PDB file of all heavy atoms in Angstrom:
ATOM      1  N   ASN A   1     -16.047  -8.132  -6.704  1.00  0.00           N
ATOM      2  CA  ASN A   1     -15.817  -9.134  -7.732  1.00  0.00           C
ATOM      3  C   ASN A   1     -14.313  -9.304  -7.940  1.00  0.00           C
ATOM      4  O   ASN A   1     -13.710  -8.661  -8.786  1.00  0.00           O
ATOM      5  CB  ASN A   1     -16.505  -8.693  -9.021  1.00  0.00           C
ATOM      6  CG  ASN A   1     -16.712  -9.854  -9.974  1.00  0.00           C
ATOM      7  OD1 ASN A   1     -16.644 -11.001  -9.580  1.00  0.00           O
ATOM      8  ND2 ASN A   1     -16.972  -9.539 -11.225  1.00  0.00           N
ATOM      9  N   ILE A   2     -13.722 -10.179  -7.127  1.00  0.00           N
ATOM     10  CA  ILE A   2     -12.273 -10.322  -7.109  1.00  0.00           C
ATOM     11  C   ILE A   2     -11.853 -11.653  -7.754  1.00  0.00           C
ATOM     12  O   ILE A   2     -12.309 -12.714  -7.324  1.00  0.00           O
ATOM     13  CB  ILE A   2     -11.746 -10.262  -5.667  1.00  0.00           C
ATOM     14  CG1 ILE A   2     -12.031  -8.880  -5.065  1.00  0.00           C
ATOM     15  CG2 ILE A   2     -10.257 -10.554  -5.608  1.00  0.00           C
ATOM     16  CD1 ILE A   2     -11.764  -8.768  -3.590  1.00  0.00           C
ATOM     17  N   PHE A   3     -10.977 -11.567  -8.756  1.00  0.00           N
ATOM     18  CA  PHE A   3     -10.425 -12.737  -9.404  1.00  0.00           C
ATOM     19  C   PHE A   3      -8.984 -12.975  -8.963  1.00  0.00           C
ATOM     20  O   PHE A   3      -8.560 -14.122  -8.832  1.00  0.00           O
ATOM     21  CB  PHE A   3     -10.488 -12.601 -10.931  1.00  0.00           C
ATOM     22  CG  PHE A   3     -11.886 -12.491 -11.461  1.00  0.00           C
ATOM     23  CD1 PHE A   3     -12.392 -11.274 -11.884  1.00  0.00           C
ATOM     24  CD2 PHE A   3     -12.703 -13.605 -11.545  1.00  0.00           C
ATOM     25  CE1 PHE A   3     -13.680 -11.173 -12.374  1.00  0.00           C
ATOM     26  CE2 PHE A   3     -13.995 -13.512 -12.034  1.00  0.00           C
ATOM     27  CZ  PHE A   3     -14.482 -12.294 -12.439  1.00  0.00           C
ATOM     28  N   SER A   4      -8.259 -11.881  -8.787  1.00  0.00           N
ATOM     29  CA  SER A   4      -6.856 -12.037  -8.375  1.00  0.00           C
ATOM     30  C   SER A   4      -6.405 -10.795  -7.645  1.00  0.00           C
ATOM     31  O   SER A   4      -6.844  -9.687  -7.925  1.00  0.00           O
ATOM     32  CB  SER A   4      -5.959 -12.255  -9.613  1.00  0.00           C
ATOM     33  OG  SER A   4      -5.961 -11.103 -10.434  1.00  0.00           O
ATOM     34  N   ILE A   5      -5.531 -11.034  -6.658  1.00  0.00           N
ATOM     35  CA  ILE A   5      -4.893  -9.936  -5.919  1.00  0.00           C
ATOM     36  C   ILE A   5      -3.408 -10.194  -5.960  1.00  0.00           C
ATOM     37  O   ILE A   5      -2.952 -11.277  -5.557  1.00  0.00           O
ATOM     38  CB  ILE A   5      -5.370  -9.850  -4.467  1.00  0.00           C
ATOM     39  CG1 ILE A   5      -6.878  -9.666  -4.381  1.00  0.00           C
ATOM     40  CG2 ILE A   5      -4.662  -8.687  -3.771  1.00  0.00           C
ATOM     41  CD1 ILE A   5      -7.412  -9.618  -2.962  1.00  0.00           C
ATOM     42  N   TYR A   6      -2.665  -9.239  -6.473  1.00  0.00           N
ATOM     43  CA  TYR A   6      -1.214  -9.403  -6.463  1.00  0.00           C
ATOM     44  C   TYR A   6      -0.673  -8.833  -5.155  1.00  0.00           C
ATOM     45  O   TYR A   6      -0.780  -9.460  -4.113  1.00  0.00           O
ATOM     46  CB  TYR A   6      -0.566  -8.758  -7.684  1.00  0.00           C
ATOM     47  CG  TYR A   6       0.928  -8.978  -7.717  1.00  0.00           C
ATOM     48  CD1 TYR A   6       1.465 -10.258  -7.670  1.00  0.00           C
ATOM     49  CD2 TYR A   6       1.810  -7.893  -7.759  1.00  0.00           C
ATOM     50  CE1 TYR A   6       2.836 -10.462  -7.668  1.00  0.00           C
ATOM     51  CE2 TYR A   6       3.171  -8.103  -7.749  1.00  0.00           C
ATOM     52  CZ  TYR A   6       3.684  -9.385  -7.707  1.00  0.00           C
ATOM     53  OH  TYR A   6       5.039  -9.575  -7.692  1.00  0.00           O
ATOM     54  N   ASN A   7      -0.153  -7.648  -5.162  1.00  0.00           N
ATOM     55  CA  ASN A   7       0.409  -7.096  -3.926  1.00  0.00           C
ATOM     56  C   ASN A   7      -0.679  -6.444  -3.098  1.00  0.00           C
ATOM     57  O   ASN A   7      -1.687  -5.972  -3.610  1.00  0.00           O
ATOM     58  CB  ASN A   7       1.463  -6.048  -4.248  1.00  0.00           C
ATOM     59  CG  ASN A   7       0.900  -4.917  -5.066  1.00  0.00           C
ATOM     60  OD1 ASN A   7       0.459  -5.113  -6.186  1.00  0.00           O
ATOM     61  ND2 ASN A   7       0.843  -3.735  -4.485  1.00  0.00           N
ATOM     62  N   MET A   8      -0.452  -6.403  -1.809  1.00  0.00           N
ATOM     63  CA  MET A   8      -1.269  -5.596  -0.883  1.00  0.00           C
ATOM     64  C   MET A   8      -0.273  -4.792  -0.061  1.00  0.00           C
ATOM     65  O   MET A   8       0.680  -5.327   0.493  1.00  0.00           O
ATOM     66  CB  MET A   8      -2.154  -6.473  -0.013  1.00  0.00           C
ATOM     67  CG  MET A   8      -3.182  -7.298  -0.792  1.00  0.00           C
ATOM     68  SD  MET A   8      -4.388  -8.144   0.236  1.00  0.00           S
ATOM     69  CE  MET A   8      -5.593  -6.824   0.480  1.00  0.00           C
ATOM     70  N   ASP A   9      -0.503  -3.499   0.001  1.00  0.00           N
ATOM     71  CA  ASP A   9       0.481  -2.580   0.581  1.00  0.00           C
ATOM     72  C   ASP A   9      -0.167  -1.684   1.634  1.00  0.00           C
ATOM     73  O   ASP A   9      -1.374  -1.446   1.625  1.00  0.00           O
ATOM     74  CB  ASP A   9       1.050  -1.639  -0.487  1.00  0.00           C
ATOM     75  CG  ASP A   9       1.563  -2.367  -1.700  1.00  0.00           C
ATOM     76  OD1 ASP A   9       2.105  -3.478  -1.562  1.00  0.00           O
ATOM     77  OD2 ASP A   9       1.427  -1.798  -2.802  1.00  0.00           O
ATOM     78  N   TRP A  10       0.666  -1.186   2.527  1.00  0.00           N
ATOM     79  CA  TRP A  10       0.281  -0.108   3.435  1.00  0.00           C
ATOM     80  C   TRP A  10       1.152   1.127   3.140  1.00  0.00           C
ATOM     81  O   TRP A  10       2.391   1.017   3.071  1.00  0.00           O
ATOM     82  CB  TRP A  10       0.478  -0.526   4.892  1.00  0.00           C
ATOM     83  CG  TRP A  10      -0.547  -1.484   5.354  1.00  0.00           C
ATOM     84  CD1 TRP A  10      -0.421  -2.839   5.461  1.00  0.00           C
ATOM     85  CD2 TRP A  10      -1.879  -1.187   5.799  1.00  0.00           C
ATOM     86  NE1 TRP A  10      -1.593  -3.394   5.923  1.00  0.00           N
ATOM     87  CE2 TRP A  10      -2.509  -2.391   6.133  1.00  0.00           C
ATOM     88  CE3 TRP A  10      -2.613   0.000   5.912  1.00  0.00           C
ATOM     89  CZ2 TRP A  10      -3.816  -2.460   6.625  1.00  0.00           C
ATOM     90  CZ3 TRP A  10      -3.905  -0.069   6.373  1.00  0.00           C
ATOM     91  CH2 TRP A  10      -4.495  -1.273   6.720  1.00  0.00           C
ATOM     92  N   TYR A  11       0.487   2.242   2.952  1.00  0.00           N
ATOM     93  CA  TYR A  11       1.128   3.539   2.805  1.00  0.00           C
ATOM     94  C   TYR A  11       0.726   4.403   4.012  1.00  0.00           C
ATOM     95  O   TYR A  11      -0.249   4.102   4.712  1.00  0.00           O
ATOM     96  CB  TYR A  11       0.641   4.252   1.518  1.00  0.00           C
ATOM     97  CG  TYR A  11       1.203   3.715   0.234  1.00  0.00           C
ATOM     98  CD1 TYR A  11       0.733   2.520  -0.300  1.00  0.00           C
ATOM     99  CD2 TYR A  11       2.171   4.418  -0.466  1.00  0.00           C
ATOM    100  CE1 TYR A  11       1.235   2.030  -1.512  1.00  0.00           C
ATOM    101  CE2 TYR A  11       2.685   3.963  -1.667  1.00  0.00           C
ATOM    102  CZ  TYR A  11       2.188   2.766  -2.179  1.00  0.00           C
ATOM    103  OH  TYR A  11       2.695   2.293  -3.369  1.00  0.00           O
ATOM    104  N   ARG A  12       1.436   5.482   4.192  1.00  0.00           N
ATOM    105  CA  ARG A  12       1.025   6.467   5.183  1.00  0.00           C
ATOM    106  C   ARG A  12       1.360   7.875   4.704  1.00  0.00           C
ATOM    107  O   ARG A  12       2.281   8.057   3.915  1.00  0.00           O
ATOM    108  CB  ARG A  12       1.671   6.198   6.539  1.00  0.00           C
ATOM    109  CG  ARG A  12       3.185   6.401   6.590  1.00  0.00           C
ATOM    110  CD  ARG A  12       3.711   5.999   7.962  1.00  0.00           C
ATOM    111  NE  ARG A  12       5.181   6.137   8.027  1.00  0.00           N
ATOM    112  CZ  ARG A  12       5.902   5.728   9.041  1.00  0.00           C
ATOM    113  NH1 ARG A  12       5.335   5.146  10.099  1.00  0.00           N
ATOM    114  NH2 ARG A  12       7.210   5.892   9.015  1.00  0.00           N
ATOM    115  N   GLN A  13       0.579   8.814   5.209  1.00  0.00           N
ATOM    116  CA  GLN A  13       0.809  10.218   4.873  1.00  0.00           C
ATOM    117  C   GLN A  13       0.669  11.053   6.132  1.00  0.00           C
ATOM    118  O   GLN A  13      -0.428  11.129   6.719  1.00  0.00           O
ATOM    119  CB  GLN A  13      -0.158  10.704   3.786  1.00  0.00           C
ATOM    120  CG  GLN A  13       0.177  12.067   3.268  1.00  0.00           C
ATOM    121  CD  GLN A  13      -0.532  12.384   1.975  1.00  0.00           C
ATOM    122  OE1 GLN A  13      -1.508  11.753   1.608  1.00  0.00           O
ATOM    123  NE2 GLN A  13      -0.011  13.375   1.262  1.00  0.00           N
ATOM    124  N   ALA A  14       1.760  11.665   6.529  1.00  0.00           N
ATOM    125  CA  ALA A  14       1.767  12.560   7.674  1.00  0.00           C
ATOM    126  C   ALA A  14       1.452  13.966   7.196  1.00  0.00           C
ATOM    127  O   ALA A  14       1.669  14.303   6.031  1.00  0.00           O
ATOM    128  CB  ALA A  14       3.114  12.498   8.376  1.00  0.00           C
ATOM    129  N   PRO A  15       0.967  14.837   8.091  1.00  0.00           N
ATOM    130  CA  PRO A  15       0.649  16.221   7.704  1.00  0.00           C
ATOM    131  C   PRO A  15       1.831  16.915   7.076  1.00  0.00           C
ATOM    132  O   PRO A  15       2.952  16.870   7.614  1.00  0.00           O
ATOM    133  CB  PRO A  15       0.247  16.865   9.020  1.00  0.00           C
ATOM    134  CG  PRO A  15      -0.226  15.751   9.873  1.00  0.00           C
ATOM    135  CD  PRO A  15       0.629  14.574   9.498  1.00  0.00           C
ATOM    136  N   GLY A  16       1.629  17.502   5.905  1.00  0.00           N
ATOM    137  CA  GLY A  16       2.682  18.254   5.246  1.00  0.00           C
ATOM    138  C   GLY A  16       3.732  17.399   4.549  1.00  0.00           C
ATOM    139  O   GLY A  16       4.721  17.925   4.049  1.00  0.00           O
ATOM    140  N   LYS A  17       3.526  16.080   4.523  1.00  0.00           N
ATOM    141  CA  LYS A  17       4.517  15.186   3.891  1.00  0.00           C
ATOM    142  C   LYS A  17       3.867  14.386   2.770  1.00  0.00           C
ATOM    143  O   LYS A  17       2.651  14.255   2.694  1.00  0.00           O
ATOM    144  CB  LYS A  17       5.103  14.226   4.930  1.00  0.00           C
ATOM    145  CG  LYS A  17       5.932  14.936   5.990  1.00  0.00           C
ATOM    146  CD  LYS A  17       6.700  13.937   6.853  1.00  0.00           C
ATOM    147  CE  LYS A  17       7.589  14.634   7.832  1.00  0.00           C
ATOM    148  NZ  LYS A  17       8.353  13.671   8.667  1.00  0.00           N
ATOM    149  N   GLN A  18       4.740  13.844   1.920  1.00  0.00           N
ATOM    150  CA  GLN A  18       4.240  13.008   0.838  1.00  0.00           C
ATOM    151  C   GLN A  18       3.851  11.629   1.366  1.00  0.00           C
ATOM    152  O   GLN A  18       4.357  11.157   2.374  1.00  0.00           O
ATOM    153  CB  GLN A  18       5.328  12.853  -0.245  1.00  0.00           C
ATOM    154  CG  GLN A  18       5.545  14.106  -1.055  1.00  0.00           C
ATOM    155  CD  GLN A  18       6.451  13.856  -2.261  1.00  0.00           C
ATOM    156  OE1 GLN A  18       7.315  12.982  -2.219  1.00  0.00           O
ATOM    157  NE2 GLN A  18       6.252  14.620  -3.326  1.00  0.00           N
ATOM    158  N   ARG A  19       2.956  11.002   0.643  1.00  0.00           N
ATOM    159  CA  ARG A  19       2.565   9.649   0.982  1.00  0.00           C
ATOM    160  C   ARG A  19       3.745   8.713   0.741  1.00  0.00           C
ATOM    161  O   ARG A  19       4.418   8.808  -0.290  1.00  0.00           O
ATOM    162  CB  ARG A  19       1.352   9.200   0.151  1.00  0.00           C
ATOM    163  CG  ARG A  19       0.699   7.924   0.606  1.00  0.00           C
ATOM    164  CD  ARG A  19      -0.595   7.670  -0.145  1.00  0.00           C
ATOM    165  NE  ARG A  19      -1.587   8.705   0.103  1.00  0.00           N
ATOM    166  CZ  ARG A  19      -2.867   8.620  -0.302  1.00  0.00           C
ATOM    167  NH1 ARG A  19      -3.273   7.527  -0.956  1.00  0.00           N
ATOM    168  NH2 ARG A  19      -3.694   9.611  -0.060  1.00  0.00           N
ATOM    169  N   GLU A  20       4.015   7.833   1.694  1.00  0.00           N
ATOM    170  CA  GLU A  20       5.155   6.910   1.551  1.00  0.00           C
ATOM    171  C   GLU A  20       4.703   5.455   1.717  1.00  0.00           C
ATOM    172  O   GLU A  20       3.785   5.159   2.487  1.00  0.00           O
ATOM    173  CB  GLU A  20       6.266   7.222   2.561  1.00  0.00           C
ATOM    174  CG  GLU A  20       5.907   6.946   4.004  1.00  0.00           C
ATOM    175  CD  GLU A  20       7.127   6.999   4.936  1.00  0.00           C
ATOM    176  OE1 GLU A  20       8.288   7.020   4.446  1.00  0.00           O
ATOM    177  OE2 GLU A  20       6.902   7.003   6.178  1.00  0.00           O
ATOM    178  N   LEU A  21       5.387   4.588   1.013  1.00  0.00           N
ATOM    179  CA  LEU A  21       5.127   3.163   1.134  1.00  0.00           C
ATOM    180  C   LEU A  21       5.766   2.655   2.414  1.00  0.00           C
ATOM    181  O   LEU A  21       6.970   2.807   2.621  1.00  0.00           O
ATOM    182  CB  LEU A  21       5.692   2.420  -0.070  1.00  0.00           C
ATOM    183  CG  LEU A  21       5.574   0.900  -0.081  1.00  0.00           C
ATOM    184  CD1 LEU A  21       4.129   0.447  -0.027  1.00  0.00           C
ATOM    185  CD2 LEU A  21       6.272   0.324  -1.317  1.00  0.00           C
ATOM    186  N   VAL A  22       4.970   2.023   3.245  1.00  0.00           N
ATOM    187  CA  VAL A  22       5.449   1.532   4.543  1.00  0.00           C
ATOM    188  C   VAL A  22       5.804   0.058   4.469  1.00  0.00           C
ATOM    189  O   VAL A  22       6.873  -0.361   4.920  1.00  0.00           O
ATOM    190  CB  VAL A  22       4.373   1.722   5.626  1.00  0.00           C
ATOM    191  CG1 VAL A  22       4.807   1.119   6.943  1.00  0.00           C
ATOM    192  CG2 VAL A  22       4.052   3.203   5.791  1.00  0.00           C
ATOM    193  N   ALA A  23       4.919  -0.736   3.885  1.00  0.00           N
ATOM    194  CA  ALA A  23       5.153  -2.178   3.842  1.00  0.00           C
ATOM    195  C   ALA A  23       4.353  -2.770   2.675  1.00  0.00           C
ATOM    196  O   ALA A  23       3.301  -2.254   2.314  1.00  0.00           O
ATOM    197  CB  ALA A  23       4.737  -2.848   5.135  1.00  0.00           C
ATOM    198  N   THR A  24       4.880  -3.853   2.122  1.00  0.00           N
ATOM    199  CA  THR A  24       4.214  -4.511   1.033  1.00  0.00           C
ATOM    200  C   THR A  24       4.323  -6.019   1.174  1.00  0.00           C
ATOM    201  O   THR A  24       5.296  -6.523   1.740  1.00  0.00           O
ATOM    202  CB  THR A  24       4.801  -4.072  -0.327  1.00  0.00           C
ATOM    203  OG1 THR A  24       4.028  -4.622  -1.394  1.00  0.00           O
ATOM    204  CG2 THR A  24       6.234  -4.535  -0.479  1.00  0.00           C
ATOM    205  N   ILE A  25       3.304  -6.727   0.701  1.00  0.00           N
ATOM    206  CA  ILE A  25       3.332  -8.196   0.691  1.00  0.00           C
ATOM    207  C   ILE A  25       2.749  -8.666  -0.641  1.00  0.00           C
ATOM    208  O   ILE A  25       1.683  -8.209  -1.064  1.00  0.00           O
ATOM    209  CB  ILE A  25       2.577  -8.784   1.894  1.00  0.00           C
ATOM    210  CG1 ILE A  25       2.712 -10.316   1.921  1.00  0.00           C
ATOM    211  CG2 ILE A  25       1.120  -8.349   1.939  1.00  0.00           C
ATOM    212  CD1 ILE A  25       2.290 -10.940   3.246  1.00  0.00           C
ATOM    213  N   THR A  26       3.479  -9.533  -1.322  1.00  0.00           N
ATOM    214  CA  THR A  26       3.034 -10.002  -2.620  1.00  0.00           C
ATOM    215  C   THR A  26       2.120 -11.223  -2.469  1.00  0.00           C
ATOM    216  O   THR A  26       1.889 -11.714  -1.370  1.00  0.00           O
ATOM    217  CB  THR A  26       4.224 -10.390  -3.495  1.00  0.00           C
ATOM    218  OG1 THR A  26       4.786 -11.609  -2.982  1.00  0.00           O
ATOM    219  CG2 THR A  26       5.279  -9.309  -3.545  1.00  0.00           C
ATOM    220  N   ASN A  27       1.595 -11.699  -3.602  1.00  0.00           N
ATOM    221  CA  ASN A  27       0.729 -12.871  -3.574  1.00  0.00           C
ATOM    222  C   ASN A  27       1.505 -14.135  -3.172  1.00  0.00           C
ATOM    223  O   ASN A  27       0.902 -15.128  -2.780  1.00  0.00           O
ATOM    224  CB  ASN A  27       0.059 -13.069  -4.926  1.00  0.00           C
ATOM    225  CG  ASN A  27       1.061 -13.269  -6.055  1.00  0.00           C
ATOM    226  OD1 ASN A  27       2.168 -12.767  -5.982  1.00  0.00           O
ATOM    227  ND2 ASN A  27       0.684 -13.965  -7.084  1.00  0.00           N
TER     228      ASN A  27
END
């Protein structure tokens, strides 16, 4: 049930590392 989507992002998490933001695209 989707009315609006603002940003859509890709994150990644390598073993032993924190999750990081890789790329983002806004509406």
